[in-house]
Each structure stands twice: as structure tokens, then as C-alpha cells.
């Protein structure tokens, strides 16, 4: 009976450890929120860390499109909208608010559906539709 309790205890500990490992991986929607925040903060390193290798240059171009303008995020909220094969799909609400030479413009975040892939246990932005 004592051996049975030990085996059950070890199995429960293993389950707890494995679930804790999965909890450390950011959810796809949190990755997109961090990615959009990194664009606003012009944080090239973070943008690279949150992008898959195939998307990294496109992410840099997206960052470049905001050079010379003030930009902020307003009411951003992202949620996973589905899956496509092994990819996660994420949509966001809210908008970028840009200002250039006193002229303000809003860019609606809901016009894109972000595609994410999982690499090394982390969700990475790998494009949008």
C-alpha cells in the first residue's frame, strides 16, 4: 500500500511540474499584445524576439512605417480567434493613434488577424491576414 501511495505522489508531482512548464509560455494573444507594444516603443530586439524567422524582416518594415511619427496604443485588447493547422489566430480591438505634424490618425487594429506559430514552446508572430 505504501508503494502505491509513493507512485501516486510521484505522478501528481510530475503532472504539476509539466503544467507549470506550460504556464510559462505566453498565450498567443499576450504575444501579439507584447509585439504591438514593442512596435510603439520601437524596441527592435523585442520585436525580433516575438517574431518567427520568416516574419522578422517584415516586422522591421512595420516598425519602420512608424518612424517620424508619435504613436500610441489605445484600448488594445487581443484574443485568440481560432486555429489554422498548427497556427494560432489572434484578433485585436483598439487602435494605433499616430500624430505627425499635429495631424492625428487612427489605425484600427481589428483589420488584421495575426498568425502565430509555436517555436521552442513560445508563440511567435509570423504574419497577418
C-alpha atoms as a PDB file:
ATOM      1  CA  UNK A   1       0.000   0.000   0.000  1.00  0.00           C
ATOM      2  CA  UNK A   2       2.872   2.380   0.860  1.00  0.00           C
ATOM      3  CA  UNK A   3       4.464   1.799  -2.574  1.00  0.00           C
ATOM      4  CA  UNK A   4       1.146   2.649  -4.263  1.00  0.00           C
ATOM      5  CA  UNK A   5       0.950   5.980  -2.401  1.00  0.00           C
ATOM      6  CA  UNK A   6       4.534   6.813  -3.420  1.00  0.00           C
ATOM      7  CA  UNK A   7       3.773   6.116  -7.096  1.00  0.00           C
ATOM      8  CA  UNK A   8       0.634   8.262  -6.960  1.00  0.00           C
ATOM      9  CA  UNK A   9       2.539  11.077  -5.244  1.00  0.00           C
ATOM     10  CA  UNK A  10       5.292  10.986  -7.870  1.00  0.00           C
ATOM     11  CA  UNK A  11       2.723  11.053 -10.683  1.00  0.00           C
ATOM     12  CA  UNK A  12       0.922  14.017  -9.139  1.00  0.00           C
ATOM     13  CA  UNK A  13       4.193  15.908  -8.749  1.00  0.00           C
ATOM     14  CA  UNK A  14       5.086  15.175 -12.370  1.00  0.00           C
ATOM     15  CA  UNK A  15       1.717  16.477 -13.546  1.00  0.00           C
ATOM     16  CA  UNK A  16       2.183  19.666 -11.509  1.00  0.00           C
ATOM     17  CA  UNK A  17       5.671  20.228 -12.911  1.00  0.00           C
ATOM     18  CA  UNK A  18       4.518  19.724 -16.507  1.00  0.00           C
ATOM     19  CA  UNK A  19       1.550  22.041 -16.094  1.00  0.00           C
ATOM     20  CA  UNK A  20       3.825  24.709 -14.587  1.00  0.00           C
ATOM     21  CA  UNK A  21       6.104  24.484 -17.643  1.00  0.00           C
ATOM     22  CA  UNK A  22       3.178  25.107 -19.978  1.00  0.00           C
ATOM     23  CA  UNK A  23       2.003  28.024 -17.849  1.00  0.00           C
ATOM     24  CA  UNK A  24       5.293  29.844 -18.556  1.00  0.00           C
ATOM     25  CA  UNK A  25       4.619  30.004 -22.303  1.00  0.00           C
ATOM     26  CA  UNK A  26       2.735  33.199 -23.109  1.00  0.00           C
ATOM     27  CA  UNK A  27      -0.694  32.726 -24.627  1.00  0.00           C
ATOM     28  CA  UNK A  28      -0.900  33.731 -28.306  1.00  0.00           C
ATOM     29  CA  UNK A  29      -2.930  36.856 -27.529  1.00  0.00           C
ATOM     30  CA  UNK A  30      -0.340  38.023 -24.977  1.00  0.00           C
ATOM     31  CA  UNK A  31       2.391  37.595 -27.583  1.00  0.00           C
ATOM     32  CA  UNK A  32       0.510  39.842 -30.030  1.00  0.00           C
ATOM     33  CA  UNK A  33      -0.087  42.438 -27.316  1.00  0.00           C
ATOM     34  CA  UNK A  34       3.640  42.427 -26.487  1.00  0.00           C
ATOM     35  CA  UNK A  35       4.515  42.610 -30.200  1.00  0.00           C
ATOM     36  CA  UNK A  36       2.266  45.660 -30.756  1.00  0.00           C
ATOM     37  CA  UNK A  37       3.640  47.314 -27.618  1.00  0.00           C
ATOM     38  CA  UNK A  38       7.191  46.712 -28.879  1.00  0.00           C
ATOM     39  CA  UNK A  39       6.272  48.465 -32.141  1.00  0.00           C
ATOM     40  CA  UNK A  40       5.020  51.503 -30.215  1.00  0.00           C
ATOM     41  CA  UNK A  41       8.168  51.501 -28.079  1.00  0.00           C
ATOM     42  CA  UNK A  42      10.367  50.989 -31.189  1.00  0.00           C
ATOM     43  CA  UNK A  43      12.007  48.038 -29.428  1.00  0.00           C
ATOM     44  CA  UNK A  44      13.726  46.210 -32.275  1.00  0.00           C
ATOM     45  CA  UNK A  45      15.132  43.498 -30.015  1.00  0.00           C
ATOM     46  CA  UNK A  46      11.731  42.652 -28.551  1.00  0.00           C
ATOM     47  CA  UNK A  47      10.098  42.695 -31.996  1.00  0.00           C
ATOM     48  CA  UNK A  48      12.727  40.224 -33.188  1.00  0.00           C
ATOM     49  CA  UNK A  49      12.216  38.030 -30.112  1.00  0.00           C
ATOM     50  CA  UNK A  50       8.451  37.934 -30.697  1.00  0.00           C
ATOM     51  CA  UNK A  51       8.661  37.223 -34.456  1.00  0.00           C
ATOM     52  CA  UNK A  52       9.299  33.957 -36.266  1.00  0.00           C
ATOM     53  CA  UNK A  53      12.369  33.962 -38.522  1.00  0.00           C
ATOM     54  CA  UNK A  54      10.236  34.210 -41.679  1.00  0.00           C
ATOM     55  CA  UNK A  55       8.424  37.318 -40.407  1.00  0.00           C
ATOM     56  CA  UNK A  56      11.312  39.181 -38.772  1.00  0.00           C
ATOM     57  CA  UNK A  57      12.188  41.408 -41.752  1.00  0.00           C
ATOM     58  CA  UNK A  58       8.514  42.237 -42.304  1.00  0.00           C
ATOM     59  CA  UNK A  59       8.232  43.142 -38.619  1.00  0.00           C
ATOM     60  CA  UNK A  60      11.168  45.525 -39.019  1.00  0.00           C
ATOM     61  CA  UNK A  61       9.437  47.106 -42.028  1.00  0.00           C
ATOM     62  CA  UNK A  62       6.292  47.509 -39.963  1.00  0.00           C
ATOM     63  CA  UNK A  63       8.346  49.274 -37.297  1.00  0.00           C
ATOM     64  CA  UNK A  64       9.935  51.494 -39.954  1.00  0.00           C
ATOM     65  CA  UNK A  65       6.474  52.613 -41.117  1.00  0.00           C
ATOM     66  CA  UNK A  66       6.049  54.389 -37.768  1.00  0.00           C
ATOM     67  CA  UNK A  67       9.380  56.244 -37.877  1.00  0.00           C
ATOM     68  CA  UNK A  68       8.988  60.004 -37.595  1.00  0.00           C
ATOM     69  CA  UNK A  69       5.514  59.857 -36.054  1.00  0.00           C
ATOM     70  CA  UNK A  70       4.329  59.736 -32.480  1.00  0.00           C
ATOM     71  CA  UNK A  71       2.419  56.519 -31.910  1.00  0.00           C
ATOM     72  CA  UNK A  72       0.468  55.024 -29.025  1.00  0.00           C
ATOM     73  CA  UNK A  73      -1.949  52.159 -28.468  1.00  0.00           C
ATOM     74  CA  UNK A  74      -5.497  52.954 -27.401  1.00  0.00           C
ATOM     75  CA  UNK A  75      -7.836  50.371 -25.834  1.00  0.00           C
ATOM     76  CA  UNK A  76      -5.863  47.407 -27.193  1.00  0.00           C
ATOM     77  CA  UNK A  77      -7.333  44.047 -26.314  1.00  0.00           C
ATOM     78  CA  UNK A  78      -6.396  40.833 -28.132  1.00  0.00           C
ATOM     79  CA  UNK A  79      -7.974  37.375 -28.078  1.00  0.00           C
ATOM     80  CA  UNK A  80      -7.374  34.106 -29.834  1.00  0.00           C
ATOM     81  CA  UNK A  81      -9.872  33.896 -32.673  1.00  0.00           C
ATOM     82  CA  UNK A  82      -9.093  30.381 -33.866  1.00  0.00           C
ATOM     83  CA  UNK A  83      -6.523  27.989 -35.221  1.00  0.00           C
ATOM     84  CA  UNK A  84      -5.262  27.109 -38.676  1.00  0.00           C
ATOM     85  CA  UNK A  85      -3.398  23.789 -38.704  1.00  0.00           C
ATOM     86  CA  UNK A  86      -0.666  24.268 -36.059  1.00  0.00           C
ATOM     87  CA  UNK A  87      -1.021  28.066 -36.052  1.00  0.00           C
ATOM     88  CA  UNK A  88      -2.982  30.242 -33.656  1.00  0.00           C
ATOM     89  CA  UNK A  89      -5.013  33.153 -34.985  1.00  0.00           C
ATOM     90  CA  UNK A  90      -5.401  36.328 -32.923  1.00  0.00           C
ATOM     91  CA  UNK A  91      -7.543  39.417 -33.475  1.00  0.00           C
ATOM     92  CA  UNK A  92      -7.346  42.660 -31.550  1.00  0.00           C
ATOM     93  CA  UNK A  93      -9.593  45.600 -30.883  1.00  0.00           C
ATOM     94  CA  UNK A  94      -8.476  49.157 -30.271  1.00  0.00           C
ATOM     95  CA  UNK A  95      -6.225  51.245 -32.465  1.00  0.00           C
ATOM     96  CA  UNK A  96      -2.855  52.831 -33.003  1.00  0.00           C
ATOM     97  CA  UNK A  97      -3.084  56.587 -32.551  1.00  0.00           C
ATOM     98  CA  UNK A  98      -0.465  58.362 -34.617  1.00  0.00           C
ATOM     99  CA  UNK A  99       0.419  62.007 -34.764  1.00  0.00           C
ATOM    100  CA  UNK A 100       2.583  63.721 -37.338  1.00  0.00           C
ATOM    101  CA  UNK A 101       2.994  67.486 -37.533  1.00  0.00           C
ATOM    102  CA  UNK A 102      -0.094  67.974 -35.375  1.00  0.00           C
ATOM    103  CA  UNK A 103      -2.307  65.744 -37.510  1.00  0.00           C
ATOM    104  CA  UNK A 104      -3.772  62.718 -35.726  1.00  0.00           C
ATOM    105  CA  UNK A 105      -4.744  59.462 -37.396  1.00  0.00           C
ATOM    106  CA  UNK A 106      -6.207  56.233 -36.037  1.00  0.00           C
ATOM    107  CA  UNK A 107      -5.251  52.795 -37.386  1.00  0.00           C
ATOM    108  CA  UNK A 108      -7.851  50.178 -36.474  1.00  0.00           C
ATOM    109  CA  UNK A 109      -6.295  47.017 -35.017  1.00  0.00           C
ATOM    110  CA  UNK A 110      -9.326  44.869 -35.893  1.00  0.00           C
ATOM    111  CA  UNK A 111      -8.469  44.908 -39.609  1.00  0.00           C
ATOM    112  CA  UNK A 112      -5.773  42.244 -39.113  1.00  0.00           C
ATOM    113  CA  UNK A 113      -5.818  38.664 -37.949  1.00  0.00           C
ATOM    114  CA  UNK A 114      -2.366  37.742 -36.678  1.00  0.00           C
ATOM    115  CA  UNK A 115      -0.926  34.311 -37.395  1.00  0.00           C
ATOM    116  CA  UNK A 116       1.314  32.766 -34.747  1.00  0.00           C
ATOM    117  CA  UNK A 117       3.462  29.662 -34.739  1.00  0.00           C
ATOM    118  CA  UNK A 118       4.855  27.862 -31.751  1.00  0.00           C
ATOM    119  CA  UNK A 119       8.636  27.509 -31.709  1.00  0.00           C
ATOM    120  CA  UNK A 120      10.610  26.271 -28.734  1.00  0.00           C
ATOM    121  CA  UNK A 121       7.484  26.372 -26.575  1.00  0.00           C
ATOM    122  CA  UNK A 122       6.822  30.056 -27.348  1.00  0.00           C
ATOM    123  CA  UNK A 123       4.183  31.603 -29.581  1.00  0.00           C
ATOM    124  CA  UNK A 124       5.721  33.907 -32.217  1.00  0.00           C
ATOM    125  CA  UNK A 125       4.054  36.344 -34.601  1.00  0.00           C
ATOM    126  CA  UNK A 126       4.520  35.053 -38.127  1.00  0.00           C
ATOM    127  CA  UNK A 127       2.346  37.360 -40.223  1.00  0.00           C
ATOM    128  CA  UNK A 128      -1.212  38.539 -40.503  1.00  0.00           C
ATOM    129  CA  UNK A 129      -4.168  38.334 -42.866  1.00  0.00           C
END
